[in-house]
Amino acid sequence: MDIQDYVARREQELSQATGNIRDFKVFDFNYIPEKPLMRDEVKPIADALLRYEKTGIANNLLVFGSRGSGKTLTVKYLTRLLGQNGLHSIYINCRSHNTSFKILAECLGVKPRGCSLSELWQRFCQEHGQRTVLVLDEVDLLSDKDKHKDILYLISRSPENYMAILLSNNPKLLNLLDESVRSTLQPEVVHFHNYTAPQIVDILKERAAVGLSRHDDVMLQQIAAMTARNTSSDVRVAIKTLYYMAIEPIQDLQANFERARRDILGDVIQDLNDRTLLILRAAVDDRDQHARSVYETYCAVSGQAHEEPFSYVHFYSTLSYLQSLGLILLISTKVGKTYTNRIQPLFDQGLFEAVWQARFG
């Protein structure tokens, strides 16, 4: 078989398989269902937004949870729903706009050059005189260069009473913020727990009902069980597995699940900043794998990469963040008369090495 024959055969197979797909958008991670899953975690966010809509008094929120736990989808859905009543909201992903300056420039639709931060903030206040909710997704990815996270300080001190919703995977984000920001922002903390397997089944059923002409409920239950058991319930893996099963139905379910899991973890590792990637490098290289030993290795590899290492407190906080991403597992272990955490990497080392080579050579 030559290349042309292979392409022709695969095109025919995919054409036959995709005949079962009615709407591809349900497999897009940005897709927002008409009726997302109702959970207890939704209530405090909805209540805070409704209070702000009625009173104009800001009720800032910090929403944290593991990747794929539904934080972003829920907040987007609620702000869109209340937007129908006139509540204005702005969504910014801090992965793409990782400084206060870039966030304000994006909000204003201007180039992030030629103005000072105070000038941009003044323009923002002039253009957004009404009640406005500013959603900062992946706020833990604000650059270290933005040391004081000025955008958070400006929001918290604004006489306009803007409301901030901060989305993060890091459960210890508040500890990393400047004291002056914490004291004025005073966010209500909402923890998004990992989905249960039955909840994942419900999500998959909703997407299958909208996107597929037919589906197998038993298969959905199997995908949900594997997702809950092997990925900290990252629903993105479940959705991508369903997608692969829709376009590659002849493939084994386990193989498609592993393919989806590999894709998602690869994206997660690729998205890490350099200093966090160095922690994973240390976790892989350190033989002892106890937290203090890994930290010493991390300091050494940071020096080799000409990066300033985190303090031990910041390092330990980042371990919690990496665990929330499903990249490591912290296991309490007794060493002598005391307990410490052993760091167990959960990612494919080949994936990690590919990202490492691309980043550090």
Protein backbone atom coordinates (compact mmCIF):
# COMPACT_ATOMS: atom_id res chain seq x y z
CA MET A 1 0.00 0.00 0.00
CA ASP A 2 1.42 3.41 -0.95
CA ILE A 3 0.64 6.74 0.72
CA GLN A 4 -2.13 7.60 -1.72
CA ASP A 5 -3.86 4.26 -1.12
CA TYR A 6 -3.59 4.67 2.65
CA VAL A 7 -5.04 8.19 2.56
CA ALA A 8 -7.94 7.04 0.34
CA ARG A 9 -8.72 4.10 2.63
CA ARG A 10 -8.58 6.18 5.81
CA GLU A 11 -10.73 8.89 4.26
CA GLN A 12 -13.38 6.31 3.44
CA GLU A 13 -13.25 4.83 6.97
CA LEU A 14 -13.55 8.26 8.62
CA SER A 15 -16.40 9.27 6.31
CA GLN A 16 -18.32 6.16 7.33
CA ALA A 17 -17.59 6.70 11.03
CA THR A 18 -18.47 10.39 11.13
CA GLY A 19 -21.87 9.64 9.67
CA ASN A 20 -22.97 8.99 13.26
CA ILE A 21 -21.95 12.51 14.32
CA ARG A 22 -24.69 15.13 14.17
CA ASP A 23 -22.79 18.01 15.76
CA PHE A 24 -19.02 18.15 16.19
CA LYS A 25 -19.14 21.16 18.53
CA VAL A 26 -20.10 18.97 21.52
CA PHE A 27 -16.54 17.60 21.47
CA ASP A 28 -15.05 21.10 21.72
CA PHE A 29 -13.88 21.92 25.25
CA ASN A 30 -15.30 25.44 24.80
CA TYR A 31 -18.80 24.06 24.20
CA ILE A 32 -21.33 25.20 26.80
CA PRO A 33 -24.42 22.96 27.06
CA GLU A 34 -27.86 24.51 27.17
CA LYS A 35 -28.36 22.89 30.58
CA PRO A 36 -25.06 22.09 32.34
CA LEU A 37 -25.00 19.61 35.20
CA MET A 38 -26.47 21.08 38.40
CA ARG A 39 -24.13 20.64 41.36
CA ASP A 40 -23.80 22.12 44.85
CA GLU A 41 -20.76 24.07 43.66
CA VAL A 42 -22.94 26.09 41.29
CA LYS A 43 -25.07 27.64 44.06
CA PRO A 44 -22.54 29.99 45.76
CA ILE A 45 -21.42 31.36 42.38
CA ALA A 46 -25.00 31.94 41.22
CA ASP A 47 -25.91 33.51 44.57
CA ALA A 48 -22.89 35.85 44.50
CA LEU A 49 -23.68 37.00 40.96
CA LEU A 50 -27.35 37.57 41.80
CA ARG A 51 -26.46 39.58 44.91
CA TYR A 52 -24.10 41.72 42.86
CA GLU A 53 -26.71 42.20 40.15
CA LYS A 54 -29.31 43.38 42.69
CA THR A 55 -27.14 45.42 45.07
CA GLY A 56 -24.02 46.47 43.17
CA ILE A 57 -21.94 45.34 46.15
CA ALA A 58 -19.08 43.15 44.97
CA ASN A 59 -18.85 39.60 46.25
CA ASN A 60 -15.48 38.48 44.91
CA LEU A 61 -14.91 34.77 44.38
CA LEU A 62 -11.96 32.42 44.20
CA VAL A 63 -13.09 29.26 42.44
CA PHE A 64 -10.55 26.44 42.57
CA GLY A 65 -10.49 22.80 41.63
CA SER A 66 -8.69 20.26 39.48
CA ARG A 67 -8.53 20.59 35.72
CA GLY A 68 -11.66 19.31 34.05
CA SER A 69 -13.83 19.80 37.15
CA GLY A 70 -16.21 22.25 35.43
CA LYS A 71 -15.08 25.61 36.88
CA THR A 72 -14.78 27.54 33.63
CA LEU A 73 -17.89 26.05 32.03
CA THR A 74 -20.01 26.87 35.08
CA VAL A 75 -18.83 30.48 35.37
CA LYS A 76 -19.21 31.10 31.64
CA TYR A 77 -22.71 29.67 31.67
CA LEU A 78 -23.83 31.72 34.69
CA THR A 79 -22.37 35.01 33.42
CA ARG A 80 -23.98 34.42 30.02
CA LEU A 81 -27.31 33.56 31.68
CA LEU A 82 -27.29 36.70 33.86
CA GLY A 83 -26.02 38.71 30.93
CA GLN A 84 -29.51 38.30 29.51
CA ASN A 85 -30.66 40.45 32.44
CA GLY A 86 -28.06 43.09 31.64
CA LEU A 87 -25.20 42.08 33.97
CA HIS A 88 -21.98 42.92 32.12
CA SER A 89 -19.03 40.50 32.32
CA ILE A 90 -15.58 40.24 30.77
CA TYR A 91 -13.72 36.92 30.48
CA ILE A 92 -9.91 36.89 30.30
CA ASN A 93 -7.65 33.82 30.26
CA CYS A 94 -4.41 34.65 32.07
CA ARG A 95 -2.55 32.04 30.06
CA SER A 96 -2.82 34.34 27.02
CA HIS A 97 -2.77 37.64 28.92
CA ASN A 98 -0.43 37.04 31.83
CA THR A 99 0.21 40.53 33.24
CA SER A 100 -2.06 43.25 34.61
CA PHE A 101 -1.04 45.44 31.67
CA LYS A 102 -1.98 42.81 29.08
CA ILE A 103 -5.29 42.06 30.81
CA LEU A 104 -6.37 45.70 30.73
CA ALA A 105 -5.19 46.12 27.15
CA GLU A 106 -7.25 43.06 26.13
CA CYS A 107 -10.31 44.40 27.97
CA LEU A 108 -9.99 47.69 26.09
CA GLY A 109 -9.11 46.14 22.75
CA VAL A 110 -5.87 48.12 22.43
CA LYS A 111 -2.23 47.26 21.81
CA PRO A 112 -0.36 46.64 25.09
CA ARG A 113 2.10 49.43 24.38
CA GLY A 114 2.25 53.19 24.57
CA CYS A 115 0.31 53.64 27.84
CA SER A 116 1.08 53.23 31.50
CA LEU A 117 -0.87 50.82 33.70
CA SER A 118 -2.59 53.72 35.48
CA GLU A 119 -3.68 55.20 32.13
CA LEU A 120 -5.14 51.87 31.03
CA TRP A 121 -6.95 51.49 34.34
CA GLN A 122 -8.41 54.99 34.04
CA ARG A 123 -9.67 54.18 30.54
CA PHE A 124 -11.11 50.89 31.80
CA CYS A 125 -13.08 52.70 34.52
CA GLN A 126 -14.35 55.26 32.01
CA GLU A 127 -15.52 52.59 29.55
CA HIS A 128 -17.01 50.30 32.20
CA GLY A 129 -19.01 52.54 34.45
CA GLN A 130 -21.74 49.93 34.91
CA ARG A 131 -21.66 46.90 37.16
CA THR A 132 -19.03 44.63 35.66
CA VAL A 133 -17.83 41.13 36.51
CA LEU A 134 -14.20 40.47 35.56
CA VAL A 135 -13.52 36.74 35.22
CA LEU A 136 -9.81 35.88 35.34
CA ASP A 137 -9.33 32.25 34.35
CA GLU A 138 -6.12 30.38 35.23
CA VAL A 139 -5.17 33.34 37.39
CA ASP A 140 -2.32 31.32 38.88
CA LEU A 141 -0.55 31.78 35.52
CA LEU A 142 -0.08 35.51 36.03
CA SER A 143 3.58 36.16 35.33
CA ASP A 144 6.13 36.33 38.13
CA LYS A 145 7.16 39.63 36.54
CA ASP A 146 3.79 41.01 37.68
CA LYS A 147 4.99 40.60 41.24
CA HIS A 148 2.14 42.37 43.05
CA LYS A 149 -0.64 41.23 40.67
CA ASP A 150 -1.70 44.88 40.30
CA ILE A 151 -4.94 44.06 38.48
CA LEU A 152 -6.23 42.34 41.63
CA TYR A 153 -5.28 45.32 43.78
CA LEU A 154 -6.96 47.76 41.38
CA ILE A 155 -10.17 45.71 41.28
CA SER A 156 -10.29 45.32 45.05
CA ARG A 157 -9.76 49.05 45.69
CA SER A 158 -11.94 50.40 42.88
CA PRO A 159 -14.76 52.77 43.92
CA GLU A 160 -16.71 51.31 40.96
CA ASN A 161 -17.22 48.10 42.96
CA TYR A 162 -16.25 45.75 40.16
CA MET A 163 -16.69 42.07 40.98
CA ALA A 164 -13.83 39.63 40.40
CA ILE A 165 -14.11 35.89 39.84
CA LEU A 166 -10.73 34.20 39.97
CA LEU A 167 -10.45 30.66 38.57
CA SER A 168 -7.48 28.55 39.60
CA ASN A 169 -6.24 24.98 39.79
CA ASN A 170 -4.07 25.88 42.78
CA PRO A 171 -5.82 25.41 46.16
CA LYS A 172 -3.16 27.58 47.87
CA LEU A 173 -3.38 30.55 45.52
CA LEU A 174 -4.48 32.96 48.26
CA ASN A 175 -1.31 32.25 50.22
CA LEU A 176 0.73 33.45 47.24
CA LEU A 177 -1.04 36.81 46.93
CA ASP A 178 0.17 40.06 48.44
CA GLU A 179 -1.32 40.73 51.89
CA SER A 180 -2.75 44.07 50.76
CA VAL A 181 -4.58 42.30 47.90
CA ARG A 182 -5.94 39.55 50.15
CA SER A 183 -7.20 41.99 52.76
CA THR A 184 -9.22 44.08 50.30
CA LEU A 185 -10.25 41.41 47.77
CA GLN A 186 -11.51 39.07 50.53
CA PRO A 187 -12.84 36.48 48.09
CA GLU A 188 -15.34 33.82 49.01
CA VAL A 189 -13.66 30.49 48.26
CA VAL A 190 -15.59 27.93 46.24
CA HIS A 191 -14.08 24.46 45.87
CA PHE A 192 -15.10 22.48 42.80
CA HIS A 193 -14.81 18.83 43.77
CA ASN A 194 -13.87 16.24 41.19
CA TYR A 195 -16.78 14.79 39.25
CA THR A 196 -18.08 11.42 40.37
CA ALA A 197 -18.39 8.64 37.82
CA PRO A 198 -22.23 8.98 37.67
CA GLN A 199 -21.86 12.73 37.05
CA ILE A 200 -19.44 12.05 34.20
CA VAL A 201 -21.97 9.60 32.74
CA ASP A 202 -24.62 12.33 32.84
CA ILE A 203 -22.29 14.77 31.06
CA LEU A 204 -21.43 12.21 28.37
CA LYS A 205 -25.10 11.32 27.88
CA GLU A 206 -25.98 14.97 27.34
CA ARG A 207 -23.24 15.42 24.77
CA ALA A 208 -24.01 12.14 23.05
CA ALA A 209 -27.71 13.03 22.83
CA VAL A 210 -26.87 16.35 21.14
CA GLY A 211 -23.90 15.29 19.04
CA LEU A 212 -24.48 11.66 18.03
CA SER A 213 -27.24 9.88 16.16
CA ARG A 214 -26.80 6.83 18.38
CA HIS A 215 -24.67 5.86 21.36
CA ASP A 216 -24.04 2.99 23.73
CA ASP A 217 -24.87 3.71 27.39
CA VAL A 218 -22.63 0.87 28.57
CA MET A 219 -19.68 2.40 26.75
CA LEU A 220 -20.39 5.79 28.37
CA GLN A 221 -20.36 4.14 31.80
CA GLN A 222 -17.04 2.45 31.00
CA ILE A 223 -15.50 5.77 29.87
CA ALA A 224 -16.76 7.47 33.04
CA ALA A 225 -15.36 4.74 35.29
CA MET A 226 -11.92 4.87 33.64
CA THR A 227 -11.90 8.66 33.82
CA ALA A 228 -12.79 8.76 37.53
CA ARG A 229 -10.30 6.01 38.34
CA ASN A 230 -7.29 7.11 36.27
CA THR A 231 -7.42 10.87 35.66
CA SER A 232 -8.72 12.56 38.84
CA SER A 233 -12.07 12.74 37.02
CA ASP A 234 -10.83 15.11 34.32
CA VAL A 235 -13.98 15.22 32.22
CA ARG A 236 -12.00 16.49 29.21
CA VAL A 237 -10.42 13.04 28.92
CA ALA A 238 -13.88 11.47 28.95
CA ILE A 239 -15.17 13.85 26.25
CA LYS A 240 -12.13 13.28 24.06
CA THR A 241 -12.44 9.51 24.50
CA LEU A 242 -16.06 9.74 23.35
CA TYR A 243 -14.86 11.75 20.34
CA TYR A 244 -12.27 9.13 19.42
CA MET A 245 -14.84 6.36 19.82
CA ALA A 246 -17.17 8.29 17.51
CA ILE A 247 -14.62 8.70 14.72
CA GLU A 248 -12.67 5.48 15.35
CA PRO A 249 -15.33 2.97 16.49
CA ILE A 250 -13.26 0.01 15.39
CA GLN A 251 -10.53 0.94 17.86
CA ASP A 252 -10.42 -0.61 21.32
CA LEU A 253 -12.00 1.56 24.05
CA GLN A 254 -8.96 1.25 26.31
CA ALA A 255 -6.67 2.31 23.47
CA ASN A 256 -8.81 5.36 22.69
CA PHE A 257 -8.96 6.26 26.38
CA GLU A 258 -5.17 6.12 26.69
CA ARG A 259 -4.86 8.16 23.50
CA ALA A 260 -7.18 10.84 24.93
CA ARG A 261 -5.41 10.81 28.30
CA ARG A 262 -2.05 11.19 26.59
CA ASP A 263 -3.33 14.13 24.54
CA ILE A 264 -4.67 15.98 27.57
CA LEU A 265 -1.62 15.37 29.76
CA GLY A 266 0.64 16.44 26.90
CA ASP A 267 -1.25 19.74 26.69
CA VAL A 268 -1.05 20.20 30.46
CA ILE A 269 2.74 19.67 30.55
CA GLN A 270 3.24 21.88 27.50
CA ASP A 271 1.35 24.70 29.23
CA LEU A 272 3.51 24.72 32.37
CA ASN A 273 5.85 27.66 32.83
CA ASP A 274 9.60 27.05 32.97
CA ARG A 275 9.95 27.15 36.75
CA THR A 276 7.15 24.62 37.27
CA LEU A 277 8.59 22.38 34.56
CA LEU A 278 11.86 22.41 36.50
CA ILE A 279 10.03 20.93 39.51
CA LEU A 280 8.81 18.04 37.35
CA ARG A 281 12.38 17.58 36.09
CA ALA A 282 13.53 17.25 39.70
CA ALA A 283 10.69 14.83 40.53
CA VAL A 284 11.77 12.62 37.62
CA ASP A 285 15.51 12.79 38.36
CA ASP A 286 15.54 12.52 42.14
CA ARG A 287 15.95 8.93 43.30
CA ASP A 288 14.70 9.50 46.84
CA GLN A 289 11.52 11.31 45.67
CA HIS A 290 10.84 12.72 49.14
CA ALA A 291 9.76 16.37 49.08
CA ARG A 292 12.88 17.83 50.74
CA SER A 293 15.21 15.78 48.55
CA VAL A 294 13.30 16.73 45.40
CA TYR A 295 13.53 20.39 46.45
CA GLU A 296 17.31 20.13 46.68
CA THR A 297 17.42 18.56 43.22
CA TYR A 298 15.08 21.29 41.97
CA CYS A 299 17.42 24.01 43.25
CA ALA A 300 20.30 22.31 41.45
CA VAL A 301 18.52 22.01 38.09
CA SER A 302 17.25 25.58 38.43
CA GLY A 303 20.83 26.75 38.76
CA GLN A 304 21.79 24.79 35.64
CA ALA A 305 18.89 26.43 33.77
CA HIS A 306 19.84 29.90 35.11
CA GLU A 307 16.50 30.24 36.87
CA GLU A 308 15.94 31.53 40.41
CA PRO A 309 14.35 28.66 42.38
CA PHE A 310 11.19 29.08 44.43
CA SER A 311 11.40 29.18 48.20
CA TYR A 312 10.55 25.86 49.84
CA VAL A 313 7.11 27.20 50.84
CA HIS A 314 6.34 28.24 47.25
CA PHE A 315 7.79 24.94 45.98
CA TYR A 316 5.50 22.96 48.30
CA SER A 317 2.50 25.00 47.22
CA THR A 318 3.36 24.25 43.60
CA LEU A 319 3.39 20.51 44.41
CA SER A 320 -0.27 20.83 45.46
CA TYR A 321 -0.96 22.60 42.18
CA LEU A 322 0.76 19.83 40.18
CA GLN A 323 -1.26 17.23 42.06
CA SER A 324 -4.47 19.09 41.17
CA LEU A 325 -3.40 18.85 37.52
CA GLY A 326 -3.08 15.08 37.85
CA LEU A 327 0.65 15.15 37.09
CA ILE A 328 1.92 13.91 40.46
CA LEU A 329 0.62 12.15 43.55
CA LEU A 330 1.75 13.17 47.05
CA ILE A 331 1.96 10.10 49.27
CA SER A 332 2.41 10.53 53.03
CA THR A 333 5.39 8.36 54.03
CA LYS A 334 7.02 7.73 57.40
CA VAL A 335 10.78 8.31 57.42
CA GLY A 336 12.32 7.55 60.78
CA LYS A 337 10.08 9.14 63.40
CA THR A 338 8.51 11.76 61.13
CA TYR A 339 6.23 11.83 58.13
CA THR A 340 7.00 13.38 54.78
CA ASN A 341 5.49 13.33 51.32
CA ARG A 342 6.84 11.13 48.58
CA ILE A 343 6.31 12.53 45.10
CA GLN A 344 5.09 10.00 42.55
CA PRO A 345 5.03 11.23 38.93
CA LEU A 346 1.88 10.15 37.07
CA PHE A 347 2.74 11.40 33.58
CA ASP A 348 4.27 9.63 30.62
CA GLN A 349 8.01 10.29 30.80
CA GLY A 350 8.33 10.27 27.01
CA LEU A 351 5.84 13.14 26.79
CA PHE A 352 7.73 15.05 29.45
CA GLU A 353 11.10 14.56 27.77
CA ALA A 354 9.71 15.83 24.46
CA VAL A 355 8.46 19.03 26.13
CA TRP A 356 11.71 19.36 28.09
CA GLN A 357 13.85 19.09 24.95
CA ALA A 358 11.74 21.63 23.12
CA ARG A 359 11.95 24.06 26.03
CA PHE A 360 15.50 23.61 27.37
CA GLY A 361 17.27 21.60 24.65
